[in-house]
Amino acid sequence: MTIEVTDEFGAVIPKALVVLHADALESDNPKSFNLELRTSSEGEAKAVLPSGFFDAFIASTGFAPHCEKLRMRDGKPAALKFVLKVDKLMSDEYGDRFVQP
């Protein structure tokens, strides 16, 4: 599966943190699951997820963190897309300057 992280305008976000966590999966996968990834320079990461419910946490410097619930069934969807919004507090403090982690 491909995971893509972009901003509100469609620009890719490299080095974004993507954390996928599940305390309890479906009966086929009774163990907890944790996966931590970073997006590539193209704003993408690859992952293989078992069936079940997941908490997704996506973050990058200068952007408000994003949390979302996911349900995977039989390896679908083949792609996930997350959109991060500019962090208002960061924007107010640093203005137009780009902030690197």
PDB file of N, CA and C in Angstrom:
ATOM      1  N   MET A   1       0.842  -1.165   0.000  1.00  0.00           N
ATOM      2  CA  MET A   1       0.000   0.000   0.000  1.00  0.00           C
ATOM      3  C   MET A   1       0.894   1.237   0.000  1.00  0.00           C
ATOM      4  N   THR A   2       0.457   2.272  -0.689  1.00  0.00           N
ATOM      5  CA  THR A   2       1.169   3.539  -0.725  1.00  0.00           C
ATOM      6  C   THR A   2       0.456   4.535   0.176  1.00  0.00           C
ATOM      7  N   ILE A   3       1.238   5.253   0.969  1.00  0.00           N
ATOM      8  CA  ILE A   3       0.722   6.316   1.835  1.00  0.00           C
ATOM      9  C   ILE A   3       1.296   7.617   1.312  1.00  0.00           C
ATOM     10  N   GLU A   4       0.432   8.590   1.013  1.00  0.00           N
ATOM     11  CA  GLU A   4       0.874   9.885   0.496  1.00  0.00           C
ATOM     12  C   GLU A   4       0.474  10.980   1.471  1.00  0.00           C
ATOM     13  N   VAL A   5       1.391  11.920   1.716  1.00  0.00           N
ATOM     14  CA  VAL A   5       1.118  13.054   2.600  1.00  0.00           C
ATOM     15  C   VAL A   5       1.360  14.337   1.811  1.00  0.00           C
ATOM     16  N   THR A   6       0.329  15.195   1.758  1.00  0.00           N
ATOM     17  CA  THR A   6       0.422  16.474   1.046  1.00  0.00           C
ATOM     18  C   THR A   6      -0.102  17.595   1.939  1.00  0.00           C
ATOM     19  N   ASP A   7       0.112  18.834   1.468  1.00  0.00           N
ATOM     20  CA  ASP A   7      -0.495  19.963   2.155  1.00  0.00           C
ATOM     21  C   ASP A   7      -1.837  20.274   1.497  1.00  0.00           C
ATOM     22  N   GLU A   8      -2.497  21.325   1.954  1.00  0.00           N
ATOM     23  CA  GLU A   8      -3.831  21.677   1.449  1.00  0.00           C
ATOM     24  C   GLU A   8      -3.856  22.006  -0.037  1.00  0.00           C
ATOM     25  N   PHE A   9      -2.693  22.379  -0.585  1.00  0.00           N
ATOM     26  CA  PHE A   9      -2.617  22.781  -1.985  1.00  0.00           C
ATOM     27  C   PHE A   9      -2.104  21.668  -2.888  1.00  0.00           C
ATOM     28  N   GLY A  10      -1.861  20.491  -2.310  1.00  0.00           N
ATOM     29  CA  GLY A  10      -1.423  19.344  -3.087  1.00  0.00           C
ATOM     30  C   GLY A  10       0.083  19.154  -3.160  1.00  0.00           C
ATOM     31  N   ALA A  11       0.851  20.042  -2.512  1.00  0.00           N
ATOM     32  CA  ALA A  11       2.307  19.887  -2.502  1.00  0.00           C
ATOM     33  C   ALA A  11       2.689  18.734  -1.573  1.00  0.00           C
ATOM     34  N   VAL A  12       3.609  17.896  -2.014  1.00  0.00           N
ATOM     35  CA  VAL A  12       4.024  16.753  -1.193  1.00  0.00           C
ATOM     36  C   VAL A  12       4.807  17.234   0.026  1.00  0.00           C
ATOM     37  N   ILE A  13       4.744  16.464   1.108  1.00  0.00           N
ATOM     38  CA  ILE A  13       5.464  16.790   2.346  1.00  0.00           C
ATOM     39  C   ILE A  13       6.483  15.679   2.598  1.00  0.00           C
ATOM     40  N   PRO A  14       7.778  15.962   2.315  1.00  0.00           N
ATOM     41  CA  PRO A  14       8.808  14.960   2.588  1.00  0.00           C
ATOM     42  C   PRO A  14       9.102  14.868   4.084  1.00  0.00           C
ATOM     43  N   LYS A  15       9.580  13.709   4.501  1.00  0.00           N
ATOM     44  CA  LYS A  15       9.985  13.444   5.879  1.00  0.00           C
ATOM     45  C   LYS A  15       8.856  13.584   6.896  1.00  0.00           C
ATOM     46  N   ALA A  16       7.606  13.463   6.450  1.00  0.00           N
ATOM     47  CA  ALA A  16       6.480  13.499   7.384  1.00  0.00           C
ATOM     48  C   ALA A  16       6.468  12.204   8.186  1.00  0.00           C
ATOM     49  N   LEU A  17       6.135  12.302   9.450  1.00  0.00           N
ATOM     50  CA  LEU A  17       6.032  11.141  10.324  1.00  0.00           C
ATOM     51  C   LEU A  17       4.649  10.515  10.168  1.00  0.00           C
ATOM     52  N   VAL A  18       4.609   9.213   9.942  1.00  0.00           N
ATOM     53  CA  VAL A  18       3.356   8.470   9.832  1.00  0.00           C
ATOM     54  C   VAL A  18       3.429   7.332  10.841  1.00  0.00           C
ATOM     55  N   VAL A  19       2.517   7.331  11.818  1.00  0.00           N
ATOM     56  CA  VAL A  19       2.468   6.273  12.823  1.00  0.00           C
ATOM     57  C   VAL A  19       1.119   5.575  12.700  1.00  0.00           C
ATOM     58  N   LEU A  20       1.159   4.254  12.558  1.00  0.00           N
ATOM     59  CA  LEU A  20      -0.049   3.441  12.485  1.00  0.00           C
ATOM     60  C   LEU A  20      -0.030   2.490  13.669  1.00  0.00           C
ATOM     61  N   HIS A  21      -1.128   2.478  14.434  1.00  0.00           N
ATOM     62  CA  HIS A  21      -1.178   1.706  15.673  1.00  0.00           C
ATOM     63  C   HIS A  21      -2.531   1.014  15.795  1.00  0.00           C
ATOM     64  N   ALA A  22      -2.495  -0.219  16.286  1.00  0.00           N
ATOM     65  CA  ALA A  22      -3.725  -0.962  16.560  1.00  0.00           C
ATOM     66  C   ALA A  22      -3.533  -1.745  17.846  1.00  0.00           C
ATOM     67  N   ASP A  23      -4.444  -1.559  18.814  1.00  0.00           N
ATOM     68  CA  ASP A  23      -4.400  -2.333  20.051  1.00  0.00           C
ATOM     69  C   ASP A  23      -4.948  -3.737  19.831  1.00  0.00           C
ATOM     70  N   ALA A  24      -6.028  -3.834  19.088  1.00  0.00           N
ATOM     71  CA  ALA A  24      -6.658  -5.126  18.836  1.00  0.00           C
ATOM     72  C   ALA A  24      -7.059  -5.185  17.376  1.00  0.00           C
ATOM     73  N   LEU A  25      -6.635  -6.216  16.715  1.00  0.00           N
ATOM     74  CA  LEU A  25      -6.982  -6.405  15.310  1.00  0.00           C
ATOM     75  C   LEU A  25      -8.073  -7.462  15.192  1.00  0.00           C
ATOM     76  N   GLU A  26      -8.489  -7.721  13.979  1.00  0.00           N
ATOM     77  CA  GLU A  26      -9.520  -8.733  13.760  1.00  0.00           C
ATOM     78  C   GLU A  26      -9.007 -10.096  14.203  1.00  0.00           C
ATOM     79  N   SER A  27      -9.883 -11.066  14.286  1.00  0.00           N
ATOM     80  CA  SER A  27      -9.549 -12.383  14.845  1.00  0.00           C
ATOM     81  C   SER A  27      -8.359 -13.049  14.153  1.00  0.00           C
ATOM     82  N   ASP A  28      -8.115 -12.729  12.888  1.00  0.00           N
ATOM     83  CA  ASP A  28      -6.974 -13.311  12.179  1.00  0.00           C
ATOM     84  C   ASP A  28      -5.644 -12.761  12.688  1.00  0.00           C
ATOM     85  N   ASN A  29      -5.662 -11.593  13.294  1.00  0.00           N
ATOM     86  CA  ASN A  29      -4.446 -10.931  13.759  1.00  0.00           C
ATOM     87  C   ASN A  29      -4.647 -10.445  15.190  1.00  0.00           C
ATOM     88  N   PRO A  30      -4.548 -11.320  16.191  1.00  0.00           N
ATOM     89  CA  PRO A  30      -4.864 -10.933  17.568  1.00  0.00           C
ATOM     90  C   PRO A  30      -3.796 -10.081  18.260  1.00  0.00           C
ATOM     91  N   LYS A  31      -2.611  -9.927  17.670  1.00  0.00           N
ATOM     92  CA  LYS A  31      -1.540  -9.162  18.315  1.00  0.00           C
ATOM     93  C   LYS A  31      -1.691  -7.668  18.021  1.00  0.00           C
ATOM     94  N   SER A  32      -1.154  -6.849  18.925  1.00  0.00           N
ATOM     95  CA  SER A  32      -1.153  -5.413  18.658  1.00  0.00           C
ATOM     96  C   SER A  32      -0.176  -5.119  17.522  1.00  0.00           C
ATOM     97  N   PHE A  33      -0.323  -3.950  16.908  1.00  0.00           N
ATOM     98  CA  PHE A  33       0.458  -3.610  15.725  1.00  0.00           C
ATOM     99  C   PHE A  33       0.909  -2.162  15.833  1.00  0.00           C
ATOM    100  N   ASN A  34       2.198  -1.902  15.595  1.00  0.00           N
ATOM    101  CA  ASN A  34       2.748  -0.546  15.569  1.00  0.00           C
ATOM    102  C   ASN A  34       3.682  -0.425  14.382  1.00  0.00           C
ATOM    103  N   LEU A  35       3.545   0.661  13.633  1.00  0.00           N
ATOM    104  CA  LEU A  35       4.407   0.909  12.492  1.00  0.00           C
ATOM    105  C   LEU A  35       4.690   2.402  12.432  1.00  0.00           C
ATOM    106  N   GLU A  36       5.965   2.756  12.329  1.00  0.00           N
ATOM    107  CA  GLU A  36       6.377   4.157  12.234  1.00  0.00           C
ATOM    108  C   GLU A  36       7.180   4.329  10.954  1.00  0.00           C
ATOM    109  N   LEU A  37       6.755   5.283  10.130  1.00  0.00           N
ATOM    110  CA  LEU A  37       7.377   5.522   8.825  1.00  0.00           C
ATOM    111  C   LEU A  37       7.691   7.001   8.649  1.00  0.00           C
ATOM    112  N   ARG A  38       8.558   7.307   7.696  1.00  0.00           N
ATOM    113  CA  ARG A  38       8.799   8.674   7.232  1.00  0.00           C
ATOM    114  C   ARG A  38       8.556   8.696   5.730  1.00  0.00           C
ATOM    115  N   THR A  39       7.929   9.752   5.241  1.00  0.00           N
ATOM    116  CA  THR A  39       7.695   9.848   3.808  1.00  0.00           C
ATOM    117  C   THR A  39       9.002  10.181   3.089  1.00  0.00           C
ATOM    118  N   SER A  40       9.074   9.772   1.840  1.00  0.00           N
ATOM    119  CA  SER A  40      10.232  10.030   0.988  1.00  0.00           C
ATOM    120  C   SER A  40      10.213  11.480   0.511  1.00  0.00           C
ATOM    121  N   SER A  41      11.178  11.839  -0.321  1.00  0.00           N
ATOM    122  CA  SER A  41      11.210  13.191  -0.889  1.00  0.00           C
ATOM    123  C   SER A  41      10.007  13.446  -1.792  1.00  0.00           C
ATOM    124  N   GLU A  42       9.328  12.372  -2.219  1.00  0.00           N
ATOM    125  CA  GLU A  42       8.107  12.504  -3.028  1.00  0.00           C
ATOM    126  C   GLU A  42       6.859  12.514  -2.162  1.00  0.00           C
ATOM    127  N   GLY A  43       7.022  12.527  -0.825  1.00  0.00           N
ATOM    128  CA  GLY A  43       5.878  12.560   0.087  1.00  0.00           C
ATOM    129  C   GLY A  43       5.164  11.234   0.219  1.00  0.00           C
ATOM    130  N   GLU A  44       5.851  10.118  -0.111  1.00  0.00           N
ATOM    131  CA  GLU A  44       5.221   8.807  -0.069  1.00  0.00           C
ATOM    132  C   GLU A  44       5.968   7.845   0.842  1.00  0.00           C
ATOM    133  N   ALA A  45       5.222   6.888   1.376  1.00  0.00           N
ATOM    134  CA  ALA A  45       5.781   5.789   2.161  1.00  0.00           C
ATOM    135  C   ALA A  45       5.031   4.526   1.759  1.00  0.00           C
ATOM    136  N   LYS A  46       5.678   3.390   1.916  1.00  0.00           N
ATOM    137  CA  LYS A  46       5.063   2.102   1.582  1.00  0.00           C
ATOM    138  C   LYS A  46       4.856   1.301   2.860  1.00  0.00           C
ATOM    139  N   ALA A  47       3.745   0.585   2.936  1.00  0.00           N
ATOM    140  CA  ALA A  47       3.454  -0.231   4.121  1.00  0.00           C
ATOM    141  C   ALA A  47       2.569  -1.411   3.734  1.00  0.00           C
ATOM    142  N   VAL A  48       2.673  -2.451   4.537  1.00  0.00           N
ATOM    143  CA  VAL A  48       1.780  -3.603   4.423  1.00  0.00           C
ATOM    144  C   VAL A  48       1.055  -3.709   5.755  1.00  0.00           C
ATOM    145  N   LEU A  49      -0.263  -3.613   5.707  1.00  0.00           N
ATOM    146  CA  LEU A  49      -1.067  -3.635   6.933  1.00  0.00           C
ATOM    147  C   LEU A  49      -1.977  -4.849   6.954  1.00  0.00           C
ATOM    148  N   PRO A  50      -2.107  -5.473   8.112  1.00  0.00           N
ATOM    149  CA  PRO A  50      -3.078  -6.557   8.237  1.00  0.00           C
ATOM    150  C   PRO A  50      -4.494  -5.985   8.318  1.00  0.00           C
ATOM    151  N   SER A  51      -5.488  -6.844   8.232  1.00  0.00           N
ATOM    152  CA  SER A  51      -6.876  -6.399   8.391  1.00  0.00           C
ATOM    153  C   SER A  51      -7.091  -5.944   9.830  1.00  0.00           C
ATOM    154  N   GLY A  52      -7.909  -4.917  10.001  1.00  0.00           N
ATOM    155  CA  GLY A  52      -8.228  -4.437  11.334  1.00  0.00           C
ATOM    156  C   GLY A  52      -8.427  -2.939  11.385  1.00  0.00           C
ATOM    157  N   PHE A  53      -8.632  -2.432  12.595  1.00  0.00           N
ATOM    158  CA  PHE A  53      -8.829  -1.004  12.835  1.00  0.00           C
ATOM    159  C   PHE A  53      -7.509  -0.402  13.299  1.00  0.00           C
ATOM    160  N   PHE A  54      -7.184   0.790  12.785  1.00  0.00           N
ATOM    161  CA  PHE A  54      -5.929   1.457  13.101  1.00  0.00           C
ATOM    162  C   PHE A  54      -6.168   2.908  13.487  1.00  0.00           C
ATOM    163  N   ASP A  55      -5.305   3.413  14.339  1.00  0.00           N
ATOM    164  CA  ASP A  55      -5.210   4.844  14.596  1.00  0.00           C
ATOM    165  C   ASP A  55      -4.029   5.330  13.777  1.00  0.00           C
ATOM    166  N   ALA A  56      -4.249   6.344  12.939  1.00  0.00           N
ATOM    167  CA  ALA A  56      -3.177   6.919  12.134  1.00  0.00           C
ATOM    168  C   ALA A  56      -2.852   8.301  12.689  1.00  0.00           C
ATOM    169  N   PHE A  57      -1.570   8.564  12.879  1.00  0.00           N
ATOM    170  CA  PHE A  57      -1.088   9.872  13.338  1.00  0.00           C
ATOM    171  C   PHE A  57      -0.057  10.341  12.325  1.00  0.00           C
ATOM    172  N   ILE A  58      -0.276  11.553  11.774  1.00  0.00           N
ATOM    173  CA  ILE A  58       0.616  12.099  10.763  1.00  0.00           C
ATOM    174  C   ILE A  58       1.043  13.481  11.217  1.00  0.00           C
ATOM    175  N   ALA A  59       2.361  13.758  11.140  1.00  0.00           N
ATOM    176  CA  ALA A  59       2.868  15.043  11.609  1.00  0.00           C
ATOM    177  C   ALA A  59       4.091  15.460  10.797  1.00  0.00           C
ATOM    178  N   SER A  60       4.298  16.766  10.714  1.00  0.00           N
ATOM    179  CA  SER A  60       5.483  17.338  10.092  1.00  0.00           C
ATOM    180  C   SER A  60       5.645  18.760  10.626  1.00  0.00           C
ATOM    181  N   THR A  61       6.888  19.208  10.727  1.00  0.00           N
ATOM    182  CA  THR A  61       7.161  20.548  11.247  1.00  0.00           C
ATOM    183  C   THR A  61       6.445  21.612  10.416  1.00  0.00           C
ATOM    184  N   GLY A  62       5.783  22.532  11.096  1.00  0.00           N
ATOM    185  CA  GLY A  62       5.071  23.618  10.427  1.00  0.00           C
ATOM    186  C   GLY A  62       3.628  23.301  10.103  1.00  0.00           C
ATOM    187  N   PHE A  63       3.212  22.064  10.371  1.00  0.00           N
ATOM    188  CA  PHE A  63       1.845  21.635  10.063  1.00  0.00           C
ATOM    189  C   PHE A  63       1.157  21.138  11.328  1.00  0.00           C
ATOM    190  N   ALA A  64      -0.158  21.324  11.387  1.00  0.00           N
ATOM    191  CA  ALA A  64      -0.941  20.793  12.501  1.00  0.00           C
ATOM    192  C   ALA A  64      -0.970  19.271  12.365  1.00  0.00           C
ATOM    193  N   PRO A  65      -0.768  18.536  13.466  1.00  0.00           N
ATOM    194  CA  PRO A  65      -0.821  17.076  13.374  1.00  0.00           C
ATOM    195  C   PRO A  65      -2.223  16.604  12.995  1.00  0.00           C
ATOM    196  N   HIS A  66      -2.280  15.440  12.379  1.00  0.00           N
ATOM    197  CA  HIS A  66      -3.539  14.883  11.893  1.00  0.00           C
ATOM    198  C   HIS A  66      -3.711  13.480  12.462  1.00  0.00           C
ATOM    199  N   CYS A  67      -4.886  13.194  13.014  1.00  0.00           N
ATOM    200  CA  CYS A  67      -5.217  11.865  13.532  1.00  0.00           C
ATOM    201  C   CYS A  67      -6.465  11.369  12.823  1.00  0.00           C
ATOM    202  N   GLU A  68      -6.491  10.075  12.566  1.00  0.00           N
ATOM    203  CA  GLU A  68      -7.619   9.506  11.836  1.00  0.00           C
ATOM    204  C   GLU A  68      -7.747   8.019  12.164  1.00  0.00           C
ATOM    205  N   LYS A  69      -8.965   7.515  12.165  1.00  0.00           N
ATOM    206  CA  LYS A  69      -9.229   6.085  12.333  1.00  0.00           C
ATOM    207  C   LYS A  69      -9.309   5.454  10.946  1.00  0.00           C
ATOM    208  N   LEU A  70      -8.722   4.263  10.809  1.00  0.00           N
ATOM    209  CA  LEU A  70      -8.743   3.545   9.537  1.00  0.00           C
ATOM    210  C   LEU A  70      -9.249   2.130   9.763  1.00  0.00           C
ATOM    211  N   ARG A  71      -9.841   1.563   8.745  1.00  0.00           N
ATOM    212  CA  ARG A  71     -10.179   0.141   8.780  1.00  0.00           C
ATOM    213  C   ARG A  71      -9.636  -0.487   7.510  1.00  0.00           C
ATOM    214  N   MET A  72      -8.830  -1.500   7.694  1.00  0.00           N
ATOM    215  CA  MET A  72      -8.262  -2.224   6.565  1.00  0.00           C
ATOM    216  C   MET A  72      -8.986  -3.566   6.439  1.00  0.00           C
ATOM    217  N   ARG A  73      -9.368  -3.892   5.217  1.00  0.00           N
ATOM    218  CA  ARG A  73     -10.003  -5.181   4.926  1.00  0.00           C
ATOM    219  C   ARG A  73      -9.311  -5.785   3.722  1.00  0.00           C
ATOM    220  N   ASP A  74      -8.758  -6.954   3.899  1.00  0.00           N
ATOM    221  CA  ASP A  74      -8.132  -7.686   2.800  1.00  0.00           C
ATOM    222  C   ASP A  74      -7.129  -6.838   2.017  1.00  0.00           C
ATOM    223  N   GLY A  75      -6.328  -6.043   2.747  1.00  0.00           N
ATOM    224  CA  GLY A  75      -5.290  -5.253   2.096  1.00  0.00           C
ATOM    225  C   GLY A  75      -5.784  -4.023   1.363  1.00  0.00           C
ATOM    226  N   LYS A  76      -7.053  -3.654   1.517  1.00  0.00           N
ATOM    227  CA  LYS A  76      -7.577  -2.477   0.831  1.00  0.00           C
ATOM    228  C   LYS A  76      -7.771  -1.359   1.837  1.00  0.00           C
ATOM    229  N   PRO A  77      -7.582  -0.128   1.506  1.00  0.00           N
ATOM    230  CA  PRO A  77      -7.317   0.407   0.178  1.00  0.00           C
ATOM    231  C   PRO A  77      -5.860   0.217  -0.238  1.00  0.00           C
ATOM    232  N   ALA A  78      -5.611   0.331  -1.530  1.00  0.00           N
ATOM    233  CA  ALA A  78      -4.252   0.192  -2.050  1.00  0.00           C
ATOM    234  C   ALA A  78      -3.448   1.461  -1.825  1.00  0.00           C
ATOM    235  N   ALA A  79      -4.134   2.573  -1.545  1.00  0.00           N
ATOM    236  CA  ALA A  79      -3.449   3.843  -1.308  1.00  0.00           C
ATOM    237  C   ALA A  79      -4.214   4.648  -0.261  1.00  0.00           C
ATOM    238  N   LEU A  80      -3.464   5.351   0.566  1.00  0.00           N
ATOM    239  CA  LEU A  80      -4.037   6.270   1.543  1.00  0.00           C
ATOM    240  C   LEU A  80      -3.450   7.638   1.296  1.00  0.00           C
ATOM    241  N   LYS A  81      -4.271   8.668   1.389  1.00  0.00           N
ATOM    242  CA  LYS A  81      -3.784  10.029   1.212  1.00  0.00           C
ATOM    243  C   LYS A  81      -4.189  10.848   2.429  1.00  0.00           C
ATOM    244  N   PHE A  82      -3.209  11.513   3.029  1.00  0.00           N
ATOM    245  CA  PHE A  82      -3.448  12.377   4.179  1.00  0.00           C
ATOM    246  C   PHE A  82      -3.073  13.799   3.797  1.00  0.00           C
ATOM    247  N   VAL A  83      -3.892  14.755   4.227  1.00  0.00           N
ATOM    248  CA  VAL A  83      -3.649  16.165   3.931  1.00  0.00           C
ATOM    249  C   VAL A  83      -3.414  16.894   5.249  1.00  0.00           C
ATOM    250  N   LEU A  84      -2.253  17.548   5.354  1.00  0.00           N
ATOM    251  CA  LEU A  84      -1.930  18.329   6.546  1.00  0.00           C
ATOM    252  C   LEU A  84      -2.177  19.805   6.275  1.00  0.00           C
ATOM    253  N   LYS A  85      -2.663  20.502   7.303  1.00  0.00           N
ATOM    254  CA  LYS A  85      -2.900  21.936   7.205  1.00  0.00           C
ATOM    255  C   LYS A  85      -1.791  22.680   7.930  1.00  0.00           C
ATOM    256  N   VAL A  86      -1.460  23.862   7.423  1.00  0.00           N
ATOM    257  CA  VAL A  86      -0.426  24.677   8.047  1.00  0.00           C
ATOM    258  C   VAL A  86      -0.845  24.995   9.478  1.00  0.00           C
ATOM    259  N   ASP A  87       0.106  24.884  10.398  1.00  0.00           N
ATOM    260  CA  ASP A  87      -0.142  25.173  11.814  1.00  0.00           C
ATOM    261  C   ASP A  87      -0.232  26.691  11.986  1.00  0.00           C
ATOM    262  N   LYS A  88      -1.389  27.175  12.402  1.00  0.00           N
ATOM    263  CA  LYS A  88      -1.628  28.621  12.553  1.00  0.00           C
ATOM    264  C   LYS A  88      -0.643  29.253  13.534  1.00  0.00           C
ATOM    265  N   LEU A  89      -0.363  28.582  14.647  1.00  0.00           N
ATOM    266  CA  LEU A  89       0.581  29.135  15.624  1.00  0.00           C
ATOM    267  C   LEU A  89       1.973  29.272  15.035  1.00  0.00           C
ATOM    268  N   MET A  90       2.418  28.269  14.282  1.00  0.00           N
ATOM    269  CA  MET A  90       3.730  28.313  13.645  1.00  0.00           C
ATOM    270  C   MET A  90       3.763  29.431  12.611  1.00  0.00           C
ATOM    271  N   SER A  91       2.700  29.574  11.850  1.00  0.00           N
ATOM    272  CA  SER A  91       2.620  30.606  10.826  1.00  0.00           C
ATOM    273  C   SER A  91       2.658  31.998  11.442  1.00  0.00           C
ATOM    274  N   ASP A  92       1.924  32.199  12.547  1.00  0.00           N
ATOM    275  CA  ASP A  92       1.915  33.499  13.219  1.00  0.00           C
ATOM    276  C   ASP A  92       3.290  33.864  13.758  1.00  0.00           C
ATOM    277  N   GLU A  93       4.019  32.882  14.269  1.00  0.00           N
ATOM    278  CA  GLU A  93       5.317  33.155  14.874  1.00  0.00           C
ATOM    279  C   GLU A  93       6.426  33.343  13.848  1.00  0.00           C
ATOM    280  N   TYR A  94       6.416  32.531  12.774  1.00  0.00           N
ATOM    281  CA  TYR A  94       7.525  32.562  11.826  1.00  0.00           C
ATOM    282  C   TYR A  94       7.190  33.244  10.499  1.00  0.00           C
ATOM    283  N   GLY A  95       5.940  33.588  10.277  1.00  0.00           N
ATOM    284  CA  GLY A  95       5.567  34.283   9.056  1.00  0.00           C
ATOM    285  C   GLY A  95       5.860  33.452   7.829  1.00  0.00           C
ATOM    286  N   ASP A  96       6.509  34.076   6.846  1.00  0.00           N
ATOM    287  CA  ASP A  96       6.788  33.417   5.578  1.00  0.00           C
ATOM    288  C   ASP A  96       8.047  32.568   5.588  1.00  0.00           C
ATOM    289  N   ARG A  97       8.809  32.591   6.675  1.00  0.00           N
ATOM    290  CA  ARG A  97      10.048  31.799   6.725  1.00  0.00           C
ATOM    291  C   ARG A  97       9.725  30.314   6.791  1.00  0.00           C
ATOM    292  N   PHE A  98      10.449  29.531   6.021  1.00  0.00           N
ATOM    293  CA  PHE A  98      10.263  28.094   6.048  1.00  0.00           C
ATOM    294  C   PHE A  98      11.077  27.511   7.187  1.00  0.00           C
ATOM    295  N   VAL A  99      10.456  26.652   7.967  1.00  0.00           N
ATOM    296  CA  VAL A  99      11.100  26.098   9.158  1.00  0.00           C
ATOM    297  C   VAL A  99      11.485  24.652   8.872  1.00  0.00           C
ATOM    298  N   GLN A 100      12.757  24.324   9.040  1.00  0.00           N
ATOM    299  CA  GLN A 100      13.244  22.961   8.884  1.00  0.00           C
ATOM    300  C   GLN A 100      13.323  22.290  10.236  1.00  0.00           C
ATOM    301  N   PRO A 101      13.016  20.984  10.321  1.00  0.00           N
ATOM    302  CA  PRO A 101      13.124  20.266  11.601  1.00  0.00           C
ATOM    303  C   PRO A 101      14.571  20.137  12.058  1.00  0.00           C
TER     304      PRO A 101
END
